[in-house]
C-alpha atoms as a PDB file:
ATOM      1  CA  UNK A   1     148.374 106.606 129.717  1.00  0.00           C
ATOM      2  CA  UNK A   2     146.270 105.178 126.940  1.00  0.00           C
ATOM      3  CA  UNK A   3     142.615 104.395 127.412  1.00  0.00           C
ATOM      4  CA  UNK A   4     141.175 101.092 126.237  1.00  0.00           C
ATOM      5  CA  UNK A   5     137.532 101.802 127.036  1.00  0.00           C
ATOM      6  CA  UNK A   6     135.557 101.986 130.260  1.00  0.00           C
ATOM      7  CA  UNK A   7     136.545  99.712 133.135  1.00  0.00           C
ATOM      8  CA  UNK A   8     133.872  98.291 135.415  1.00  0.00           C
ATOM      9  CA  UNK A   9     134.049  95.816 138.280  1.00  0.00           C
ATOM     10  CA  UNK A  10     130.462  94.736 138.828  1.00  0.00           C
ATOM     11  CA  UNK A  11     131.506  91.938 141.172  1.00  0.00           C
ATOM     12  CA  UNK A  12     133.217  94.120 143.767  1.00  0.00           C
ATOM     13  CA  UNK A  13     131.620  97.492 142.996  1.00  0.00           C
ATOM     14  CA  UNK A  14     128.152  96.796 141.542  1.00  0.00           C
ATOM     15  CA  UNK A  15     127.032 100.420 141.899  1.00  0.00           C
ATOM     16  CA  UNK A  16     130.198 101.808 140.325  1.00  0.00           C
ATOM     17  CA  UNK A  17     133.433 103.185 141.687  1.00  0.00           C
ATOM     18  CA  UNK A  18     132.069 106.662 142.310  1.00  0.00           C
ATOM     19  CA  UNK A  19     129.161 105.400 144.441  1.00  0.00           C
ATOM     20  CA  UNK A  20     131.155 102.881 146.425  1.00  0.00           C
ATOM     21  CA  UNK A  21     132.350 105.335 149.051  1.00  0.00           C
ATOM     22  CA  UNK A  22     135.855 103.925 148.709  1.00  0.00           C
ATOM     23  CA  UNK A  23     137.325 106.100 145.976  1.00  0.00           C
ATOM     24  CA  UNK A  24     137.427 109.847 145.515  1.00  0.00           C
ATOM     25  CA  UNK A  25     135.881 111.388 142.414  1.00  0.00           C
ATOM     26  CA  UNK A  26     139.266 111.694 140.703  1.00  0.00           C
ATOM     27  CA  UNK A  27     140.218 108.106 141.624  1.00  0.00           C
ATOM     28  CA  UNK A  28     136.945 106.726 140.291  1.00  0.00           C
ATOM     29  CA  UNK A  29     137.444 108.684 137.058  1.00  0.00           C
ATOM     30  CA  UNK A  30     140.971 107.272 136.698  1.00  0.00           C
ATOM     31  CA  UNK A  31     139.713 103.734 137.274  1.00  0.00           C
ATOM     32  CA  UNK A  32     136.845 104.061 134.816  1.00  0.00           C
ATOM     33  CA  UNK A  33     138.940 105.624 132.057  1.00  0.00           C
ATOM     34  CA  UNK A  34     142.272 103.816 132.492  1.00  0.00           C
ATOM     35  CA  UNK A  35     141.435 100.730 134.551  1.00  0.00           C
ATOM     36  CA  UNK A  36     141.617  98.309 131.644  1.00  0.00           C
ATOM     37  CA  UNK A  37     145.064  99.569 130.699  1.00  0.00           C
ATOM     38  CA  UNK A  38     146.257  99.482 134.314  1.00  0.00           C
ATOM     39  CA  UNK A  39     144.932  95.935 134.720  1.00  0.00           C
ATOM     40  CA  UNK A  40     146.637  94.692 131.585  1.00  0.00           C
ATOM     41  CA  UNK A  41     149.901  96.472 132.422  1.00  0.00           C
ATOM     42  CA  UNK A  42     149.843  95.054 135.947  1.00  0.00           C
ATOM     43  CA  UNK A  43     149.227  91.504 134.728  1.00  0.00           C
ATOM     44  CA  UNK A  44     151.855  91.790 131.983  1.00  0.00           C
ATOM     45  CA  UNK A  45     149.432  91.265 129.094  1.00  0.00           C
ATOM     46  CA  UNK A  46     150.672  94.416 127.358  1.00  0.00           C
ATOM     47  CA  UNK A  47     153.992  96.233 127.345  1.00  0.00           C
ATOM     48  CA  UNK A  48     154.268  99.860 128.470  1.00  0.00           C
ATOM     49  CA  UNK A  49     154.434 102.304 125.575  1.00  0.00           C
ATOM     50  CA  UNK A  50     155.000 105.624 127.347  1.00  0.00           C
ATOM     51  CA  UNK A  51     157.078 106.867 130.253  1.00  0.00           C
ATOM     52  CA  UNK A  52     153.942 107.120 132.423  1.00  0.00           C
ATOM     53  CA  UNK A  53     153.136 103.465 131.757  1.00  0.00           C
ATOM     54  CA  UNK A  54     156.733 102.395 132.485  1.00  0.00           C
ATOM     55  CA  UNK A  55     156.621 104.319 135.758  1.00  0.00           C
ATOM     56  CA  UNK A  56     153.263 102.687 136.617  1.00  0.00           C
ATOM     57  CA  UNK A  57     154.694  99.201 136.053  1.00  0.00           C
ATOM     58  CA  UNK A  58     157.790 100.001 138.122  1.00  0.00           C
ATOM     59  CA  UNK A  59     155.699 101.400 140.983  1.00  0.00           C
ATOM     60  CA  UNK A  60     153.184  98.561 141.099  1.00  0.00           C
ATOM     61  CA  UNK A  61     155.889  95.906 140.869  1.00  0.00           C
ATOM     62  CA  UNK A  62     157.777  97.395 143.821  1.00  0.00           C
ATOM     63  CA  UNK A  63     160.790  98.721 141.929  1.00  0.00           C
ATOM     64  CA  UNK A  64     159.881 102.334 142.785  1.00  0.00           C
ATOM     65  CA  UNK A  65     157.926 103.945 145.599  1.00  0.00           C
ATOM     66  CA  UNK A  66     154.286 104.512 144.715  1.00  0.00           C
ATOM     67  CA  UNK A  67     153.979 108.203 143.850  1.00  0.00           C
ATOM     68  CA  UNK A  68     151.900 108.624 140.698  1.00  0.00           C
ATOM     69  CA  UNK A  69     148.134 109.002 140.861  1.00  0.00           C
ATOM     70  CA  UNK A  70     147.700 105.997 138.560  1.00  0.00           C
ATOM     71  CA  UNK A  71     149.712 103.689 140.817  1.00  0.00           C
ATOM     72  CA  UNK A  72     148.149 105.011 144.038  1.00  0.00           C
ATOM     73  CA  UNK A  73     144.691 104.433 142.614  1.00  0.00           C
ATOM     74  CA  UNK A  74     145.530 100.934 141.345  1.00  0.00           C
ATOM     75  CA  UNK A  75     147.141  99.879 144.641  1.00  0.00           C
ATOM     76  CA  UNK A  76     144.063 101.123 146.507  1.00  0.00           C
ATOM     77  CA  UNK A  77     141.847  99.148 144.114  1.00  0.00           C
ATOM     78  CA  UNK A  78     143.942  95.990 144.613  1.00  0.00           C
ATOM     79  CA  UNK A  79     143.856  96.369 148.404  1.00  0.00           C
ATOM     80  CA  UNK A  80     140.069  96.589 148.320  1.00  0.00           C
ATOM     81  CA  UNK A  81     139.520  93.685 145.947  1.00  0.00           C
ATOM     82  CA  UNK A  82     142.295  91.210 146.763  1.00  0.00           C
ATOM     83  CA  UNK A  83     142.760  91.443 150.513  1.00  0.00           C
ATOM     84  CA  UNK A  84     140.264  89.881 152.870  1.00  0.00           C
ATOM     85  CA  UNK A  85     138.880  92.261 155.447  1.00  0.00           C
ATOM     86  CA  UNK A  86     139.262  90.982 158.966  1.00  0.00           C
ATOM     87  CA  UNK A  87     136.553  91.953 161.380  1.00  0.00           C
ATOM     88  CA  UNK A  88     136.533  91.333 165.071  1.00  0.00           C
ATOM     89  CA  UNK A  89     133.602  91.290 167.419  1.00  0.00           C
ATOM     90  CA  UNK A  90     133.414  91.617 171.157  1.00  0.00           C
ATOM     91  CA  UNK A  91     130.578  89.190 171.705  1.00  0.00           C
ATOM     92  CA  UNK A  92     131.025  85.540 172.552  1.00  0.00           C
ATOM     93  CA  UNK A  93     129.759  82.771 170.370  1.00  0.00           C
ATOM     94  CA  UNK A  94     128.490  80.659 173.288  1.00  0.00           C
ATOM     95  CA  UNK A  95     125.038  81.512 174.510  1.00  0.00           C
ATOM     96  CA  UNK A  96     124.539  81.422 178.223  1.00  0.00           C
ATOM     97  CA  UNK A  97     121.494  79.624 179.557  1.00  0.00           C
ATOM     98  CA  UNK A  98     119.176  82.096 181.180  1.00  0.00           C
ATOM     99  CA  UNK A  99     118.118  81.131 184.660  1.00  0.00           C
ATOM    100  CA  UNK A 100     114.571  81.880 185.619  1.00  0.00           C
ATOM    101  CA  UNK A 101     113.445  82.060 189.175  1.00  0.00           C
ATOM    102  CA  UNK A 102     109.879  81.382 190.163  1.00  0.00           C
ATOM    103  CA  UNK A 103     108.734  83.787 192.808  1.00  0.00           C
ATOM    104  CA  UNK A 104     105.296  82.207 193.257  1.00  0.00           C
ATOM    105  CA  UNK A 105     106.057  80.881 196.727  1.00  0.00           C
ATOM    106  CA  UNK A 106     104.594  83.933 198.363  1.00  0.00           C
ATOM    107  CA  UNK A 107     107.323  83.972 200.989  1.00  0.00           C
ATOM    108  CA  UNK A 108     106.176  80.804 202.793  1.00  0.00           C
ATOM    109  CA  UNK A 109     109.650  79.311 203.081  1.00  0.00           C
ATOM    110  CA  UNK A 110     111.335  82.251 204.805  1.00  0.00           C
ATOM    111  CA  UNK A 111     113.017  81.565 208.122  1.00  0.00           C
ATOM    112  CA  UNK A 112     112.394  84.195 210.830  1.00  0.00           C
END
């Protein structure tokens, strides 16, 4: 695959791909070195020139199963940047009123 310069995504990964904790070292290297090409191939801005690029386009468009390292890395990148992460919590959003009891009576109102 051809390289068109370094690829950075400061919006989603401001500290870089390798420090994000999402990608392995090899995946972050692939994204940095070939990310621009993968992005342009995926969007259709450029046509594939090699067999690797044709396979990448076929895999990312769903024509083939994702098997190459380029396509696996790009699909992982798309899943992290395009899909909203759903998070669920176990706490309720309604606050309960706390009831306070005054125990200053000293026990005067006890029935014996």
